[in-house]
Amino acid sequence: MWRKCFPHPFLTLALWVIWLLLNNTLSAGQMILGGLLAIFIPWFSAGFWEERISVRRPWLMVKFFASVLWQIIIANIHVARLILMSSDRLRPGFVEVPLDLTSPLAISILANTISLTPGTVTCDLSQDQKSLLIHALHIDDAQSTIDEIKQLFEKPLKEIFN
């Protein structure tokens, strides 16, 4: 019964919180309207979801998001230093990151996390979904960049979803 009414409970909660943040109010009307939208959007769109979201360790997701926020702060400082010090020393380039993830949702979160981090952007997912093409603002060593992405972002996602 619970799953039928709330097919994606985390999405419902996230939509409700985002609605309240966007409206910048906790008035009863906005809380009710946001709650109704947060319930009905996942309910109406449940048929479009290819896979059932299976989070093995939800507490690790909180740790992952905190780590991502920290990495975004560190990357902002690093990119600012690279640009302000000497932009002629920048070595932009592409790296292909092989994936151990199999879940389309986990791959999507990884690709978006990489793009959220300043100085990197996900450009392409291979046809076989086994690797991501990443553009980085500055690459000293391609293998260390790949190892860093796999350690900081892919490994926790693998623990959460696979």
Protein backbone atom coordinates (compact mmCIF):
# COMPACT_ATOMS: atom_id res chain seq x y z
CA MET A 1 0.00 0.00 0.00
CA TRP A 2 2.79 2.41 0.98
CA ARG A 3 4.71 1.82 -2.30
CA LYS A 4 1.54 2.29 -4.35
CA CYS A 5 0.84 5.71 -2.81
CA PHE A 6 4.50 6.78 -2.75
CA PRO A 7 6.34 5.02 -5.58
CA HIS A 8 9.46 7.17 -5.04
CA PRO A 9 9.47 8.44 -1.44
CA PHE A 10 12.88 10.14 -1.67
CA LEU A 11 11.76 12.00 -4.78
CA THR A 12 8.54 13.02 -3.04
CA LEU A 13 10.48 14.43 -0.10
CA ALA A 14 13.01 16.16 -2.35
CA LEU A 15 10.29 17.76 -4.50
CA TRP A 16 8.47 19.03 -1.43
CA VAL A 17 11.64 20.55 0.08
CA ILE A 18 12.64 22.11 -3.26
CA TRP A 19 9.15 23.59 -3.66
CA LEU A 20 9.35 25.20 -0.22
CA LEU A 21 12.85 26.51 -0.86
CA LEU A 22 11.88 28.00 -4.22
CA ASN A 23 8.84 29.71 -2.71
CA ASN A 24 10.87 30.88 0.30
CA THR A 25 7.96 30.41 2.67
CA LEU A 26 6.53 27.90 5.11
CA SER A 27 2.95 29.10 4.81
CA ALA A 28 0.27 26.44 5.13
CA GLY A 29 -0.95 26.97 1.56
CA GLN A 30 2.50 26.49 0.04
CA MET A 31 3.20 23.48 2.25
CA ILE A 32 -0.06 21.83 1.17
CA LEU A 33 0.36 22.70 -2.53
CA GLY A 34 4.00 21.56 -2.47
CA GLY A 35 2.99 18.36 -0.70
CA LEU A 36 0.28 17.61 -3.25
CA LEU A 37 2.66 18.22 -6.16
CA ALA A 38 5.37 16.17 -4.46
CA ILE A 39 2.96 13.26 -4.09
CA PHE A 40 1.30 13.40 -7.51
CA ILE A 41 4.33 14.08 -9.75
CA PRO A 42 6.12 10.82 -8.80
CA TRP A 43 2.80 8.97 -8.85
CA PHE A 44 1.93 10.10 -12.40
CA SER A 45 5.47 9.59 -13.68
CA ALA A 46 6.07 6.17 -12.06
CA GLY A 47 5.35 4.37 -15.34
CA PHE A 48 8.20 6.20 -17.08
CA TRP A 49 10.87 4.99 -14.68
CA GLU A 50 12.75 2.07 -16.23
CA GLU A 51 14.17 0.72 -13.03
CA ARG A 52 13.12 0.60 -9.43
CA ILE A 53 15.48 2.74 -7.41
CA SER A 54 17.36 0.51 -5.03
CA VAL A 55 19.56 2.26 -2.49
CA ARG A 56 21.52 -0.32 -0.53
CA ARG A 57 22.96 2.08 2.01
CA PRO A 58 20.95 5.31 2.27
CA TRP A 59 23.11 6.70 5.10
CA LEU A 60 26.09 6.63 2.71
CA MET A 61 24.14 8.92 0.37
CA VAL A 62 24.21 11.68 2.99
CA LYS A 63 27.96 11.17 3.40
CA PHE A 64 28.36 11.21 -0.41
CA PHE A 65 26.48 14.52 -0.77
CA ALA A 66 28.56 16.08 2.01
CA SER A 67 31.72 14.89 0.27
CA VAL A 68 30.52 16.32 -3.06
CA LEU A 69 29.83 19.69 -1.45
CA TRP A 70 33.31 19.68 0.05
CA GLN A 71 34.87 18.74 -3.32
CA ILE A 72 32.95 21.57 -5.01
CA ILE A 73 34.41 24.06 -2.50
CA ILE A 74 37.93 22.68 -2.98
CA ALA A 75 37.53 22.70 -6.79
CA ASN A 76 36.33 26.33 -6.73
CA ILE A 77 39.47 27.35 -4.90
CA HIS A 78 41.67 25.26 -7.19
CA VAL A 79 40.10 26.66 -10.40
CA ALA A 80 40.34 30.22 -9.10
CA ARG A 81 44.02 29.70 -8.29
CA LEU A 82 44.68 28.20 -11.73
CA ILE A 83 43.00 31.08 -13.53
CA LEU A 84 44.36 33.90 -11.38
CA MET A 85 47.93 32.65 -11.19
CA SER A 86 48.57 32.01 -14.85
CA SER A 87 46.03 30.86 -17.37
CA ASP A 88 48.76 30.26 -19.97
CA ARG A 89 49.92 27.25 -17.94
CA LEU A 90 46.54 25.55 -18.18
CA ARG A 91 46.52 22.16 -19.86
CA PRO A 92 42.90 21.40 -20.71
CA GLY A 93 42.10 18.00 -22.08
CA PHE A 94 39.84 14.98 -22.26
CA VAL A 95 40.06 11.77 -20.27
CA GLU A 96 38.02 8.63 -20.67
CA VAL A 97 36.94 7.20 -17.32
CA PRO A 98 36.09 3.49 -17.37
CA LEU A 99 32.98 2.73 -15.32
CA ASP A 100 32.41 0.02 -12.76
CA LEU A 101 28.83 1.24 -12.21
CA THR A 102 25.99 -0.58 -13.94
CA SER A 103 22.89 1.26 -12.74
CA PRO A 104 21.74 3.99 -15.16
CA LEU A 105 20.75 6.14 -12.18
CA ALA A 106 24.18 5.78 -10.56
CA ILE A 107 25.91 6.60 -13.86
CA SER A 108 23.69 9.65 -14.25
CA ILE A 109 24.48 10.85 -10.72
CA LEU A 110 28.20 10.34 -11.38
CA ALA A 111 28.05 12.28 -14.66
CA ASN A 112 26.13 15.12 -13.03
CA THR A 113 28.45 15.19 -10.02
CA ILE A 114 31.46 15.53 -12.30
CA SER A 115 29.78 18.36 -14.20
CA LEU A 116 28.84 20.12 -10.95
CA THR A 117 32.46 20.14 -9.84
CA PRO A 118 34.19 23.28 -11.19
CA GLY A 119 36.87 22.58 -13.76
CA THR A 120 35.31 19.37 -15.11
CA VAL A 121 32.38 18.53 -17.33
CA THR A 122 31.00 15.21 -18.52
CA CYS A 123 30.85 15.27 -22.32
CA ASP A 124 29.70 11.81 -23.37
CA LEU A 125 28.70 8.35 -22.23
CA SER A 126 29.93 5.53 -24.46
CA GLN A 127 27.36 3.48 -26.38
CA ASP A 128 28.01 0.43 -24.20
CA GLN A 129 27.74 2.60 -21.04
CA LYS A 130 31.18 1.45 -19.91
CA SER A 131 33.00 4.80 -19.92
CA LEU A 132 32.51 8.55 -19.56
CA LEU A 133 34.35 11.17 -21.58
CA ILE A 134 35.34 14.00 -19.26
CA HIS A 135 36.81 17.39 -20.14
CA ALA A 136 39.00 18.94 -17.49
CA LEU A 137 40.30 22.49 -17.31
CA HIS A 138 43.76 21.34 -16.24
CA ILE A 139 45.25 17.85 -16.44
CA ASP A 140 48.70 17.17 -15.01
CA ASP A 141 48.39 13.40 -15.26
CA ALA A 142 45.42 11.72 -16.97
CA GLN A 143 45.63 8.56 -14.88
CA SER A 144 45.65 10.48 -11.59
CA THR A 145 42.58 12.43 -12.76
CA ILE A 146 40.80 9.16 -13.57
CA ASP A 147 41.84 7.64 -10.23
CA GLU A 148 40.62 10.71 -8.34
CA ILE A 149 37.19 10.62 -10.04
CA LYS A 150 36.84 6.90 -9.39
CA GLN A 151 37.90 7.20 -5.74
CA LEU A 152 35.97 10.35 -4.79
CA PHE A 153 32.75 9.83 -6.73
CA GLU A 154 32.37 6.41 -8.34
CA LYS A 155 33.41 4.25 -5.39
CA PRO A 156 30.82 5.72 -2.97
CA LEU A 157 28.10 5.50 -5.64
CA LYS A 158 28.97 1.88 -6.23
CA GLU A 159 28.55 1.20 -2.50
CA ILE A 160 25.22 3.04 -2.48
CA PHE A 161 23.61 1.55 -5.59
CA ASN A 162 25.29 -1.74 -6.56
